[in-house]
PDB file of N, CA and C in Angstrom:
ATOM      1  N   MET A   1      16.182  11.990 -55.503  1.00  0.00           N
ATOM      2  CA  MET A   1      14.739  11.925 -55.443  1.00  0.00           C
ATOM      3  C   MET A   1      14.186  11.041 -56.559  1.00  0.00           C
ATOM      4  N   LEU A   2      14.747  11.189 -57.740  1.00  0.00           N
ATOM      5  CA  LEU A   2      14.294  10.388 -58.872  1.00  0.00           C
ATOM      6  C   LEU A   2      14.522   8.902 -58.610  1.00  0.00           C
ATOM      7  N   ASN A   3      15.597   8.596 -57.863  1.00  0.00           N
ATOM      8  CA  ASN A   3      15.912   7.226 -57.484  1.00  0.00           C
ATOM      9  C   ASN A   3      14.710   6.591 -56.780  1.00  0.00           C
ATOM     10  N   VAL A   4      14.140   7.274 -55.812  1.00  0.00           N
ATOM     11  CA  VAL A   4      13.006   6.762 -55.027  1.00  0.00           C
ATOM     12  C   VAL A   4      11.774   6.585 -55.918  1.00  0.00           C
ATOM     13  N   ILE A   5      11.513   7.550 -56.769  1.00  0.00           N
ATOM     14  CA  ILE A   5      10.333   7.501 -57.635  1.00  0.00           C
ATOM     15  C   ILE A   5      10.420   6.334 -58.614  1.00  0.00           C
ATOM     16  N   ILE A   6      11.577   6.163 -59.222  1.00  0.00           N
ATOM     17  CA  ILE A   6      11.747   5.070 -60.193  1.00  0.00           C
ATOM     18  C   ILE A   6      11.623   3.710 -59.509  1.00  0.00           C
ATOM     19  N   ILE A   7      12.279   3.548 -58.372  1.00  0.00           N
ATOM     20  CA  ILE A   7      12.206   2.268 -57.656  1.00  0.00           C
ATOM     21  C   ILE A   7      10.768   1.975 -57.233  1.00  0.00           C
ATOM     22  N   ALA A   8      10.072   2.970 -56.712  1.00  0.00           N
ATOM     23  CA  ALA A   8       8.679   2.774 -56.286  1.00  0.00           C
ATOM     24  C   ALA A   8       7.793   2.384 -57.464  1.00  0.00           C
ATOM     25  N   ALA A   9       7.979   3.045 -58.590  1.00  0.00           N
ATOM     26  CA  ALA A   9       7.164   2.733 -59.771  1.00  0.00           C
ATOM     27  C   ALA A   9       7.428   1.319 -60.272  1.00  0.00           C
ATOM     28  N   ILE A  10       8.687   0.932 -60.300  1.00  0.00           N
ATOM     29  CA  ILE A  10       9.031  -0.423 -60.764  1.00  0.00           C
ATOM     30  C   ILE A  10       8.472  -1.473 -59.806  1.00  0.00           C
ATOM     31  N   LEU A  11       8.561  -1.221 -58.510  1.00  0.00           N
ATOM     32  CA  LEU A  11       8.001  -2.167 -57.540  1.00  0.00           C
ATOM     33  C   LEU A  11       6.488  -2.272 -57.683  1.00  0.00           C
ATOM     34  N   ASP A  12       5.818  -1.145 -57.817  1.00  0.00           N
ATOM     35  CA  ASP A  12       4.360  -1.171 -57.990  1.00  0.00           C
ATOM     36  C   ASP A  12       3.961  -1.964 -59.229  1.00  0.00           C
ATOM     37  N   TYR A  13       4.729  -1.821 -60.286  1.00  0.00           N
ATOM     38  CA  TYR A  13       4.424  -2.514 -61.529  1.00  0.00           C
ATOM     39  C   TYR A  13       4.748  -4.008 -61.456  1.00  0.00           C
ATOM     40  N   SER A  14       5.869  -4.360 -60.838  1.00  0.00           N
ATOM     41  CA  SER A  14       6.334  -5.751 -60.897  1.00  0.00           C
ATOM     42  C   SER A  14       5.781  -6.658 -59.796  1.00  0.00           C
ATOM     43  N   LEU A  15       5.408  -6.117 -58.653  1.00  0.00           N
ATOM     44  CA  LEU A  15       4.957  -6.967 -57.542  1.00  0.00           C
ATOM     45  C   LEU A  15       3.804  -7.905 -57.889  1.00  0.00           C
ATOM     46  N   PRO A  16       2.801  -7.465 -58.648  1.00  0.00           N
ATOM     47  CA  PRO A  16       1.721  -8.407 -58.975  1.00  0.00           C
ATOM     48  C   PRO A  16       2.185  -9.605 -59.814  1.00  0.00           C
ATOM     49  N   TYR A  17       3.305  -9.485 -60.468  1.00  0.00           N
ATOM     50  CA  TYR A  17       3.800 -10.560 -61.344  1.00  0.00           C
ATOM     51  C   TYR A  17       4.820 -11.473 -60.666  1.00  0.00           C
ATOM     52  N   LEU A  18       5.311 -11.068 -59.513  1.00  0.00           N
ATOM     53  CA  LEU A  18       6.308 -11.877 -58.812  1.00  0.00           C
ATOM     54  C   LEU A  18       5.613 -12.995 -58.034  1.00  0.00           C
ATOM     55  N   PRO A  19       6.240 -14.159 -57.985  1.00  0.00           N
ATOM     56  CA  PRO A  19       5.617 -15.259 -57.246  1.00  0.00           C
ATOM     57  C   PRO A  19       5.599 -14.981 -55.743  1.00  0.00           C
ATOM     58  N   SER A  20       4.606 -15.537 -55.085  1.00  0.00           N
ATOM     59  CA  SER A  20       4.483 -15.432 -53.636  1.00  0.00           C
ATOM     60  C   SER A  20       4.368 -16.851 -53.083  1.00  0.00           C
ATOM     61  N   PRO A  21       5.525 -17.515 -52.945  1.00  0.00           N
ATOM     62  CA  PRO A  21       5.491 -18.931 -52.564  1.00  0.00           C
ATOM     63  C   PRO A  21       5.003 -19.162 -51.137  1.00  0.00           C
ATOM     64  N   GLU A  22       4.435 -20.316 -50.921  1.00  0.00           N
ATOM     65  CA  GLU A  22       3.977 -20.716 -49.586  1.00  0.00           C
ATOM     66  C   GLU A  22       5.035 -21.543 -48.859  1.00  0.00           C
ATOM     67  N   ILE A  23       5.876 -22.224 -49.626  1.00  0.00           N
ATOM     68  CA  ILE A  23       6.898 -23.105 -49.041  1.00  0.00           C
ATOM     69  C   ILE A  23       8.046 -22.253 -48.517  1.00  0.00           C
ATOM     70  N   TYR A  24       8.450 -22.512 -47.278  1.00  0.00           N
ATOM     71  CA  TYR A  24       9.472 -21.709 -46.608  1.00  0.00           C
ATOM     72  C   TYR A  24      10.784 -21.678 -47.392  1.00  0.00           C
ATOM     73  N   PHE A  25      11.224 -22.822 -47.904  1.00  0.00           N
ATOM     74  CA  PHE A  25      12.476 -22.889 -48.658  1.00  0.00           C
ATOM     75  C   PHE A  25      12.422 -21.977 -49.883  1.00  0.00           C
ATOM     76  N   LEU A  26      11.289 -21.936 -50.559  1.00  0.00           N
ATOM     77  CA  LEU A  26      11.151 -21.078 -51.736  1.00  0.00           C
ATOM     78  C   LEU A  26      11.137 -19.599 -51.345  1.00  0.00           C
ATOM     79  N   LYS A  27      10.527 -19.286 -50.206  1.00  0.00           N
ATOM     80  CA  LYS A  27      10.547 -17.913 -49.712  1.00  0.00           C
ATOM     81  C   LYS A  27      11.982 -17.475 -49.421  1.00  0.00           C
ATOM     82  N   LEU A  28      12.723 -18.346 -48.765  1.00  0.00           N
ATOM     83  CA  LEU A  28      14.115 -18.066 -48.433  1.00  0.00           C
ATOM     84  C   LEU A  28      14.956 -17.901 -49.700  1.00  0.00           C
ATOM     85  N   THR A  29      14.722 -18.760 -50.675  1.00  0.00           N
ATOM     86  CA  THR A  29      15.422 -18.664 -51.956  1.00  0.00           C
ATOM     87  C   THR A  29      15.112 -17.332 -52.636  1.00  0.00           C
ATOM     88  N   GLN A  30      13.863 -16.921 -52.588  1.00  0.00           N
ATOM     89  CA  GLN A  30      13.457 -15.660 -53.198  1.00  0.00           C
ATOM     90  C   GLN A  30      14.148 -14.470 -52.517  1.00  0.00           C
ATOM     91  N   VAL A  31      14.265 -14.504 -51.201  1.00  0.00           N
ATOM     92  CA  VAL A  31      14.946 -13.430 -50.469  1.00  0.00           C
ATOM     93  C   VAL A  31      16.418 -13.373 -50.871  1.00  0.00           C
ATOM     94  N   ILE A  32      17.068 -14.520 -50.909  1.00  0.00           N
ATOM     95  CA  ILE A  32      18.495 -14.557 -51.253  1.00  0.00           C
ATOM     96  C   ILE A  32      18.718 -14.072 -52.680  1.00  0.00           C
ATOM     97  N   LEU A  33      17.873 -14.512 -53.611  1.00  0.00           N
ATOM     98  CA  LEU A  33      17.991 -14.027 -54.992  1.00  0.00           C
ATOM     99  C   LEU A  33      17.734 -12.523 -55.074  1.00  0.00           C
ATOM    100  N   GLY A  34      16.818 -12.039 -54.275  1.00  0.00           N
ATOM    101  CA  GLY A  34      16.543 -10.604 -54.245  1.00  0.00           C
ATOM    102  C   GLY A  34      17.751  -9.799 -53.779  1.00  0.00           C
ATOM    103  N   VAL A  35      18.442 -10.302 -52.775  1.00  0.00           N
ATOM    104  CA  VAL A  35      19.646  -9.624 -52.278  1.00  0.00           C
ATOM    105  C   VAL A  35      20.726  -9.610 -53.361  1.00  0.00           C
ATOM    106  N   ILE A  36      20.905 -10.737 -54.030  1.00  0.00           N
ATOM    107  CA  ILE A  36      21.918 -10.831 -55.090  1.00  0.00           C
ATOM    108  C   ILE A  36      21.583  -9.892 -56.247  1.00  0.00           C
ATOM    109  N   ILE A  37      20.341  -9.890 -56.676  1.00  0.00           N
ATOM    110  CA  ILE A  37      19.928  -9.034 -57.798  1.00  0.00           C
ATOM    111  C   ILE A  37      20.044  -7.552 -57.419  1.00  0.00           C
ATOM    112  N   THR A  38      19.648  -7.206 -56.201  1.00  0.00           N
ATOM    113  CA  THR A  38      19.754  -5.821 -55.749  1.00  0.00           C
ATOM    114  C   THR A  38      21.215  -5.384 -55.674  1.00  0.00           C
ATOM    115  N   GLY A  39      22.076  -6.245 -55.180  1.00  0.00           N
ATOM    116  CA  GLY A  39      23.510  -5.940 -55.125  1.00  0.00           C
ATOM    117  C   GLY A  39      24.101  -5.751 -56.504  1.00  0.00           C
ATOM    118  N   PHE A  40      23.693  -6.593 -57.444  1.00  0.00           N
ATOM    119  CA  PHE A  40      24.172  -6.481 -58.821  1.00  0.00           C
ATOM    120  C   PHE A  40      23.688  -5.173 -59.449  1.00  0.00           C
ATOM    121  N   GLY A  41      22.420  -4.856 -59.252  1.00  0.00           N
ATOM    122  CA  GLY A  41      21.873  -3.609 -59.800  1.00  0.00           C
ATOM    123  C   GLY A  41      22.568  -2.388 -59.231  1.00  0.00           C
ATOM    124  N   GLY A  42      22.840  -2.407 -57.933  1.00  0.00           N
ATOM    125  CA  GLY A  42      23.569  -1.299 -57.310  1.00  0.00           C
ATOM    126  C   GLY A  42      24.960  -1.142 -57.890  1.00  0.00           C
ATOM    127  N   ALA A  43      25.619  -2.268 -58.108  1.00  0.00           N
ATOM    128  CA  ALA A  43      26.968  -2.229 -58.689  1.00  0.00           C
ATOM    129  C   ALA A  43      26.942  -1.678 -60.106  1.00  0.00           C
ATOM    130  N   VAL A  44      25.930  -2.052 -60.874  1.00  0.00           N
ATOM    131  CA  VAL A  44      25.838  -1.574 -62.262  1.00  0.00           C
ATOM    132  C   VAL A  44      25.755  -0.055 -62.292  1.00  0.00           C
ATOM    133  N   TYR A  45      24.859   0.527 -61.506  1.00  0.00           N
ATOM    134  CA  TYR A  45      24.741   1.984 -61.608  1.00  0.00           C
ATOM    135  C   TYR A  45      25.859   2.718 -60.894  1.00  0.00           C
ATOM    136  N   LEU A  46      26.514   2.090 -59.910  1.00  0.00           N
ATOM    137  CA  LEU A  46      27.686   2.729 -59.305  1.00  0.00           C
ATOM    138  C   LEU A  46      28.863   2.754 -60.280  1.00  0.00           C
ATOM    139  N   ILE A  47      29.078   1.661 -60.986  1.00  0.00           N
ATOM    140  CA  ILE A  47      30.168   1.594 -61.957  1.00  0.00           C
ATOM    141  C   ILE A  47      29.902   2.523 -63.142  1.00  0.00           C
ATOM    142  N   ALA A  48      28.633   2.654 -63.501  1.00  0.00           N
ATOM    143  CA  ALA A  48      28.262   3.500 -64.639  1.00  0.00           C
ATOM    144  C   ALA A  48      28.292   4.991 -64.278  1.00  0.00           C
ATOM    145  N   ASN A  49      28.565   5.313 -63.008  1.00  0.00           N
ATOM    146  CA  ASN A  49      28.600   6.699 -62.537  1.00  0.00           C
ATOM    147  C   ASN A  49      27.290   7.439 -62.822  1.00  0.00           C
ATOM    148  N   LEU A  50      26.174   6.763 -62.552  1.00  0.00           N
ATOM    149  CA  LEU A  50      24.864   7.369 -62.762  1.00  0.00           C
ATOM    150  C   LEU A  50      24.395   8.172 -61.553  1.00  0.00           C
ATOM    151  N   GLY A  51      25.232   8.249 -60.547  1.00  0.00           N
ATOM    152  CA  GLY A  51      24.873   8.988 -59.338  1.00  0.00           C
ATOM    153  C   GLY A  51      24.276   8.066 -58.301  1.00  0.00           C
ATOM    154  N   PRO A  52      24.924   7.938 -57.166  1.00  0.00           N
ATOM    155  CA  PRO A  52      24.415   7.034 -56.137  1.00  0.00           C
ATOM    156  C   PRO A  52      23.177   7.591 -55.447  1.00  0.00           C
ATOM    157  N   GLY A  53      22.338   6.672 -54.978  1.00  0.00           N
ATOM    158  CA  GLY A  53      21.210   7.058 -54.144  1.00  0.00           C
ATOM    159  C   GLY A  53      21.724   7.432 -52.759  1.00  0.00           C
ATOM    160  N   PRO A  54      20.824   7.759 -51.834  1.00  0.00           N
ATOM    161  CA  PRO A  54      21.261   8.204 -50.505  1.00  0.00           C
ATOM    162  C   PRO A  54      22.145   7.192 -49.762  1.00  0.00           C
ATOM    163  N   ARG A  55      21.729   5.940 -49.714  1.00  0.00           N
ATOM    164  CA  ARG A  55      22.541   4.953 -48.992  1.00  0.00           C
ATOM    165  C   ARG A  55      23.825   4.640 -49.735  1.00  0.00           C
ATOM    166  N   ASP A  56      23.758   4.590 -51.044  1.00  0.00           N
ATOM    167  CA  ASP A  56      24.978   4.308 -51.809  1.00  0.00           C
ATOM    168  C   ASP A  56      25.950   5.477 -51.738  1.00  0.00           C
ATOM    169  N   GLY A  57      25.435   6.698 -51.702  1.00  0.00           N
ATOM    170  CA  GLY A  57      26.305   7.861 -51.529  1.00  0.00           C
ATOM    171  C   GLY A  57      26.976   7.843 -50.170  1.00  0.00           C
ATOM    172  N   LEU A  58      26.204   7.520 -49.137  1.00  0.00           N
ATOM    173  CA  LEU A  58      26.775   7.382 -47.798  1.00  0.00           C
ATOM    174  C   LEU A  58      27.805   6.262 -47.776  1.00  0.00           C
ATOM    175  N   MET A  59      27.474   5.151 -48.426  1.00  0.00           N
ATOM    176  CA  MET A  59      28.383   4.000 -48.471  1.00  0.00           C
ATOM    177  C   MET A  59      29.707   4.368 -49.132  1.00  0.00           C
ATOM    178  N   THR A  60      29.649   4.973 -50.307  1.00  0.00           N
ATOM    179  CA  THR A  60      30.894   5.297 -51.019  1.00  0.00           C
ATOM    180  C   THR A  60      31.680   6.375 -50.283  1.00  0.00           C
ATOM    181  N   GLY A  61      30.978   7.332 -49.662  1.00  0.00           N
ATOM    182  CA  GLY A  61      31.663   8.369 -48.888  1.00  0.00           C
ATOM    183  C   GLY A  61      32.361   7.802 -47.666  1.00  0.00           C
ATOM    184  N   LEU A  62      31.651   6.963 -46.909  1.00  0.00           N
ATOM    185  CA  LEU A  62      32.266   6.342 -45.723  1.00  0.00           C
ATOM    186  C   LEU A  62      33.407   5.405 -46.105  1.00  0.00           C
ATOM    187  N   GLN A  63      33.237   4.707 -47.214  1.00  0.00           N
ATOM    188  CA  GLN A  63      34.300   3.790 -47.650  1.00  0.00           C
ATOM    189  C   GLN A  63      35.558   4.554 -48.031  1.00  0.00           C
ATOM    190  N   SER A  64      35.399   5.667 -48.730  1.00  0.00           N
ATOM    191  CA  SER A  64      36.579   6.417 -49.157  1.00  0.00           C
ATOM    192  C   SER A  64      37.286   7.098 -47.981  1.00  0.00           C
ATOM    193  N   THR A  65      36.521   7.521 -46.961  1.00  0.00           N
ATOM    194  CA  THR A  65      37.167   8.166 -45.811  1.00  0.00           C
ATOM    195  C   THR A  65      37.717   7.164 -44.799  1.00  0.00           C
ATOM    196  N   SER A  66      37.068   6.016 -44.675  1.00  0.00           N
ATOM    197  CA  SER A  66      37.509   5.024 -43.680  1.00  0.00           C
ATOM    198  C   SER A  66      38.470   3.991 -44.254  1.00  0.00           C
ATOM    199  N   ASN A  67      38.431   3.809 -45.563  1.00  0.00           N
ATOM    200  CA  ASN A  67      39.245   2.798 -46.248  1.00  0.00           C
ATOM    201  C   ASN A  67      38.875   1.371 -45.836  1.00  0.00           C
ATOM    202  N   LEU A  68      37.692   1.192 -45.266  1.00  0.00           N
ATOM    203  CA  LEU A  68      37.197  -0.142 -44.922  1.00  0.00           C
ATOM    204  C   LEU A  68      36.614  -0.783 -46.185  1.00  0.00           C
ATOM    205  N   PRO A  69      36.525  -2.114 -46.224  1.00  0.00           N
ATOM    206  CA  PRO A  69      35.917  -2.771 -47.387  1.00  0.00           C
ATOM    207  C   PRO A  69      34.469  -2.316 -47.584  1.00  0.00           C
ATOM    208  N   ILE A  70      34.075  -2.178 -48.829  1.00  0.00           N
ATOM    209  CA  ILE A  70      32.732  -1.709 -49.175  1.00  0.00           C
ATOM    210  C   ILE A  70      31.663  -2.624 -48.562  1.00  0.00           C
ATOM    211  N   ALA A  71      31.947  -3.932 -48.493  1.00  0.00           N
ATOM    212  CA  ALA A  71      30.982  -4.882 -47.923  1.00  0.00           C
ATOM    213  C   ALA A  71      30.720  -4.567 -46.447  1.00  0.00           C
ATOM    214  N   TRP A  72      31.758  -4.249 -45.712  1.00  0.00           N
ATOM    215  CA  TRP A  72      31.593  -3.932 -44.286  1.00  0.00           C
ATOM    216  C   TRP A  72      30.822  -2.637 -44.098  1.00  0.00           C
ATOM    217  N   VAL A  73      31.185  -1.639 -44.902  1.00  0.00           N
ATOM    218  CA  VAL A  73      30.535  -0.335 -44.772  1.00  0.00           C
ATOM    219  C   VAL A  73      29.049  -0.450 -45.074  1.00  0.00           C
ATOM    220  N   ARG A  74      28.696  -1.095 -46.186  1.00  0.00           N
ATOM    221  CA  ARG A  74      27.280  -1.204 -46.561  1.00  0.00           C
ATOM    222  C   ARG A  74      26.501  -2.026 -45.545  1.00  0.00           C
ATOM    223  N   SER A  75      27.063  -3.143 -45.106  1.00  0.00           N
ATOM    224  CA  SER A  75      26.369  -3.956 -44.100  1.00  0.00           C
ATOM    225  C   SER A  75      26.222  -3.190 -42.796  1.00  0.00           C
ATOM    226  N   GLY A  76      27.234  -2.405 -42.428  1.00  0.00           N
ATOM    227  CA  GLY A  76      27.149  -1.587 -41.216  1.00  0.00           C
ATOM    228  C   GLY A  76      26.032  -0.565 -41.300  1.00  0.00           C
ATOM    229  N   ILE A  77      25.897   0.075 -42.477  1.00  0.00           N
ATOM    230  CA  ILE A  77      24.814   1.047 -42.680  1.00  0.00           C
ATOM    231  C   ILE A  77      23.464   0.349 -42.548  1.00  0.00           C
ATOM    232  N   GLU A  78      23.310  -0.778 -43.228  1.00  0.00           N
ATOM    233  CA  GLU A  78      22.024  -1.488 -43.215  1.00  0.00           C
ATOM    234  C   GLU A  78      21.682  -1.996 -41.825  1.00  0.00           C
ATOM    235  N   LEU A  79      22.654  -2.534 -41.108  1.00  0.00           N
ATOM    236  CA  LEU A  79      22.385  -3.027 -39.754  1.00  0.00           C
ATOM    237  C   LEU A  79      22.032  -1.882 -38.814  1.00  0.00           C
ATOM    238  N   THR A  80      22.649  -0.720 -39.001  1.00  0.00           N
ATOM    239  CA  THR A  80      22.312   0.455 -38.200  1.00  0.00           C
ATOM    240  C   THR A  80      20.870   0.883 -38.460  1.00  0.00           C
ATOM    241  N   VAL A  81      20.475   0.894 -39.718  1.00  0.00           N
ATOM    242  CA  VAL A  81      19.106   1.274 -40.083  1.00  0.00           C
ATOM    243  C   VAL A  81      18.099   0.268 -39.514  1.00  0.00           C
ATOM    244  N   VAL A  82      18.429  -1.012 -39.587  1.00  0.00           N
ATOM    245  CA  VAL A  82      17.544  -2.044 -39.031  1.00  0.00           C
ATOM    246  C   VAL A  82      17.406  -1.865 -37.515  1.00  0.00           C
ATOM    247  N   LEU A  83      18.513  -1.620 -36.837  1.00  0.00           N
ATOM    248  CA  LEU A  83      18.470  -1.432 -35.389  1.00  0.00           C
ATOM    249  C   LEU A  83      17.608  -0.224 -35.020  1.00  0.00           C
ATOM    250  N   ILE A  84      17.804   0.887 -35.717  1.00  0.00           N
ATOM    251  CA  ILE A  84      16.999   2.088 -35.443  1.00  0.00           C
ATOM    252  C   ILE A  84      15.514   1.803 -35.704  1.00  0.00           C
ATOM    253  N   GLY A  85      15.223   1.146 -36.801  1.00  0.00           N
ATOM    254  CA  GLY A  85      13.837   0.803 -37.105  1.00  0.00           C
ATOM    255  C   GLY A  85      13.225  -0.087 -36.048  1.00  0.00           C
ATOM    256  N   TRP A  86      13.990  -1.061 -35.577  1.00  0.00           N
ATOM    257  CA  TRP A  86      13.508  -1.973 -34.530  1.00  0.00           C
ATOM    258  C   TRP A  86      13.264  -1.212 -33.222  1.00  0.00           C
ATOM    259  N   LEU A  87      14.209  -0.317 -32.881  1.00  0.00           N
ATOM    260  CA  LEU A  87      14.050   0.481 -31.658  1.00  0.00           C
ATOM    261  C   LEU A  87      12.827   1.393 -31.735  1.00  0.00           C
ATOM    262  N   LEU A  88      12.453   1.787 -32.943  1.00  0.00           N
ATOM    263  CA  LEU A  88      11.271   2.628 -33.133  1.00  0.00           C
ATOM    264  C   LEU A  88       9.977   1.811 -33.224  1.00  0.00           C
ATOM    265  N   GLY A  89      10.092   0.488 -33.085  1.00  0.00           N
ATOM    266  CA  GLY A  89       8.902  -0.352 -33.064  1.00  0.00           C
ATOM    267  C   GLY A  89       8.645  -1.136 -34.339  1.00  0.00           C
ATOM    268  N   GLY A  90       9.565  -1.097 -35.265  1.00  0.00           N
ATOM    269  CA  GLY A  90       9.404  -1.837 -36.514  1.00  0.00           C
ATOM    270  C   GLY A  90       9.606  -3.332 -36.326  1.00  0.00           C
ATOM    271  N   VAL A  91       9.181  -4.081 -37.312  1.00  0.00           N
ATOM    272  CA  VAL A  91       9.311  -5.536 -37.297  1.00  0.00           C
ATOM    273  C   VAL A  91      10.591  -5.922 -38.024  1.00  0.00           C
ATOM    274  N   VAL A  92      11.372  -6.781 -37.411  1.00  0.00           N
ATOM    275  CA  VAL A  92      12.598  -7.280 -38.026  1.00  0.00           C
ATOM    276  C   VAL A  92      12.469  -8.793 -38.150  1.00  0.00           C
ATOM    277  N   GLY A  93      12.427  -9.252 -39.380  1.00  0.00           N
ATOM    278  CA  GLY A  93      12.329 -10.688 -39.626  1.00  0.00           C
ATOM    279  C   GLY A  93      13.610 -11.215 -40.239  1.00  0.00           C
ATOM    280  N   LEU A  94      13.581 -12.475 -40.579  1.00  0.00           N
ATOM    281  CA  LEU A  94      14.755 -13.118 -41.158  1.00  0.00           C
ATOM    282  C   LEU A  94      15.135 -12.470 -42.495  1.00  0.00           C
ATOM    283  N   GLY A  95      14.144 -12.141 -43.315  1.00  0.00           N
ATOM    284  CA  GLY A  95      14.428 -11.504 -44.604  1.00  0.00           C
ATOM    285  C   GLY A  95      15.115 -10.163 -44.436  1.00  0.00           C
ATOM    286  N   THR A  96      14.669  -9.402 -43.443  1.00  0.00           N
ATOM    287  CA  THR A  96      15.284  -8.101 -43.154  1.00  0.00           C
ATOM    288  C   THR A  96      16.744  -8.278 -42.762  1.00  0.00           C
ATOM    289  N   LEU A  97      16.997  -9.235 -41.897  1.00  0.00           N
ATOM    290  CA  LEU A  97      18.375  -9.478 -41.454  1.00  0.00           C
ATOM    291  C   LEU A  97      19.241 -10.023 -42.582  1.00  0.00           C
ATOM    292  N   LEU A  98      18.685 -10.914 -43.399  1.00  0.00           N
ATOM    293  CA  LEU A  98      19.452 -11.437 -44.533  1.00  0.00           C
ATOM    294  C   LEU A  98      19.826 -10.322 -45.503  1.00  0.00           C
ATOM    295  N   PHE A  99      18.899  -9.402 -45.743  1.00  0.00           N
ATOM    296  CA  PHE A  99      19.211  -8.275 -46.627  1.00  0.00           C
ATOM    297  C   PHE A  99      20.288  -7.402 -45.999  1.00  0.00           C
ATOM    298  N   ALA A 100      20.123  -7.056 -44.726  1.00  0.00           N
ATOM    299  CA  ALA A 100      21.069  -6.161 -44.060  1.00  0.00           C
ATOM    300  C   ALA A 100      22.484  -6.722 -44.048  1.00  0.00           C
ATOM    301  N   VAL A 101      22.598  -8.010 -43.832  1.00  0.00           N
ATOM    302  CA  VAL A 101      23.918  -8.643 -43.778  1.00  0.00           C
ATOM    303  C   VAL A 101      24.437  -8.975 -45.179  1.00  0.00           C
ATOM    304  N   GLY A 102      23.550  -9.285 -46.100  1.00  0.00           N
ATOM    305  CA  GLY A 102      23.972  -9.768 -47.410  1.00  0.00           C
ATOM    306  C   GLY A 102      24.178  -8.724 -48.480  1.00  0.00           C
ATOM    307  N   ILE A 103      23.574  -7.542 -48.345  1.00  0.00           N
ATOM    308  CA  ILE A 103      23.660  -6.564 -49.424  1.00  0.00           C
ATOM    309  C   ILE A 103      25.082  -6.019 -49.588  1.00  0.00           C
ATOM    310  N   GLY A 104      25.795  -5.847 -48.515  1.00  0.00           N
ATOM    311  CA  GLY A 104      27.182  -5.359 -48.606  1.00  0.00           C
ATOM    312  C   GLY A 104      28.069  -6.298 -49.404  1.00  0.00           C
ATOM    313  N   PRO A 105      28.133  -7.567 -49.016  1.00  0.00           N
ATOM    314  CA  PRO A 105      28.932  -8.506 -49.807  1.00  0.00           C
ATOM    315  C   PRO A 105      28.431  -8.662 -51.239  1.00  0.00           C
ATOM    316  N   SER A 106      27.112  -8.558 -51.445  1.00  0.00           N
ATOM    317  CA  SER A 106      26.564  -8.681 -52.792  1.00  0.00           C
ATOM    318  C   SER A 106      27.008  -7.517 -53.678  1.00  0.00           C
ATOM    319  N   VAL A 107      26.934  -6.303 -53.159  1.00  0.00           N
ATOM    320  CA  VAL A 107      27.386  -5.132 -53.916  1.00  0.00           C
ATOM    321  C   VAL A 107      28.885  -5.231 -54.180  1.00  0.00           C
ATOM    322  N   ALA A 108      29.649  -5.578 -53.158  1.00  0.00           N
ATOM    323  CA  ALA A 108      31.112  -5.657 -53.304  1.00  0.00           C
ATOM    324  C   ALA A 108      31.519  -6.720 -54.325  1.00  0.00           C
ATOM    325  N   ALA A 109      30.905  -7.887 -54.240  1.00  0.00           N
ATOM    326  CA  ALA A 109      31.235  -8.966 -55.186  1.00  0.00           C
ATOM    327  C   ALA A 109      30.827  -8.582 -56.601  1.00  0.00           C
ATOM    328  N   SER A 110      29.695  -7.917 -56.740  1.00  0.00           N
ATOM    329  CA  SER A 110      29.231  -7.500 -58.067  1.00  0.00           C
ATOM    330  C   SER A 110      30.138  -6.423 -58.655  1.00  0.00           C
ATOM    331  N   ILE A 111      30.556  -5.462 -57.839  1.00  0.00           N
ATOM    332  CA  ILE A 111      31.491  -4.432 -58.314  1.00  0.00           C
ATOM    333  C   ILE A 111      32.789  -5.086 -58.780  1.00  0.00           C
ATOM    334  N   HIS A 112      33.292  -6.010 -57.981  1.00  0.00           N
ATOM    335  CA  HIS A 112      34.536  -6.707 -58.327  1.00  0.00           C
ATOM    336  C   HIS A 112      34.386  -7.470 -59.645  1.00  0.00           C
ATOM    337  N   ALA A 113      33.314  -8.231 -59.771  1.00  0.00           N
ATOM    338  CA  ALA A 113      33.101  -9.042 -60.975  1.00  0.00           C
ATOM    339  C   ALA A 113      32.897  -8.161 -62.210  1.00  0.00           C
ATOM    340  N   LEU A 114      32.103  -7.111 -62.072  1.00  0.00           N
ATOM    341  CA  LEU A 114      31.846  -6.232 -63.219  1.00  0.00           C
ATOM    342  C   LEU A 114      33.104  -5.463 -63.623  1.00  0.00           C
ATOM    343  N   THR A 115      33.895  -5.048 -62.655  1.00  0.00           N
ATOM    344  CA  THR A 115      35.146  -4.351 -62.960  1.00  0.00           C
ATOM    345  C   THR A 115      36.098  -5.254 -63.722  1.00  0.00           C
ATOM    346  N   ARG A 116      36.210  -6.486 -63.266  1.00  0.00           N
ATOM    347  CA  ARG A 116      37.081  -7.453 -63.974  1.00  0.00           C
ATOM    348  C   ARG A 116      36.565  -7.702 -65.389  1.00  0.00           C
ATOM    349  N   LEU A 117      35.255  -7.823 -65.548  1.00  0.00           N
ATOM    350  CA  LEU A 117      34.667  -8.046 -66.867  1.00  0.00           C
ATOM    351  C   LEU A 117      34.928  -6.853 -67.790  1.00  0.00           C
ATOM    352  N   LEU A 118      34.771  -5.652 -67.260  1.00  0.00           N
ATOM    353  CA  LEU A 118      35.011  -4.451 -68.075  1.00  0.00           C
ATOM    354  C   LEU A 118      36.468  -4.340 -68.488  1.00  0.00           C
ATOM    355  N   VAL A 119      37.379  -4.708 -67.597  1.00  0.00           N
ATOM    356  CA  VAL A 119      38.810  -4.686 -67.938  1.00  0.00           C
ATOM    357  C   VAL A 119      39.087  -5.683 -69.062  1.00  0.00           C
ATOM    358  N   LYS A 120      38.505  -6.862 -68.981  1.00  0.00           N
ATOM    359  CA  LYS A 120      38.692  -7.869 -70.043  1.00  0.00           C
ATOM    360  C   LYS A 120      38.099  -7.404 -71.356  1.00  0.00           C
ATOM    361  N   LEU A 121      36.955  -6.733 -71.308  1.00  0.00           N
ATOM    362  CA  LEU A 121      36.323  -6.275 -72.537  1.00  0.00           C
ATOM    363  C   LEU A 121      37.117  -5.141 -73.203  1.00  0.00           C
ATOM    364  N   LYS A 122      37.802  -4.332 -72.389  1.00  0.00           N
ATOM    365  CA  LYS A 122      38.619  -3.244 -72.938  1.00  0.00           C
ATOM    366  C   LYS A 122      39.863  -3.774 -73.636  1.00  0.00           C
ATOM    367  N   ASN A 123      40.376  -4.894 -73.179  1.00  0.00           N
ATOM    368  CA  ASN A 123      41.629  -5.448 -73.754  1.00  0.00           C
ATOM    369  C   ASN A 123      41.365  -6.308 -74.938  1.00  0.00           C
TER     370      ASN A 123
END
């Protein structure tokens, strides 16, 4: 629950300061950077054992029981949520699809990179 409250508060505070570009290429760049930053942030708190949020808990649970790559599991969860939202009448745009497909590989790559960095720092 605290996960939702903290994220909502940070978004409310930071949104007025974030750029809102008019050029399509800049919008696309902003979405891609957002996916990368979100994946990195997720990896940081997963590695730190701070307790996963609902989707991350589902992701780690499904990954451990299925033994599938974390990128596939997370993208599968996100694509399922997008499909359900669309079936319920929600809007699905390019940014939504980029996030759904990109967050899994972003989290997985960030976990891999941070784990390697931590191993090097320990030695």
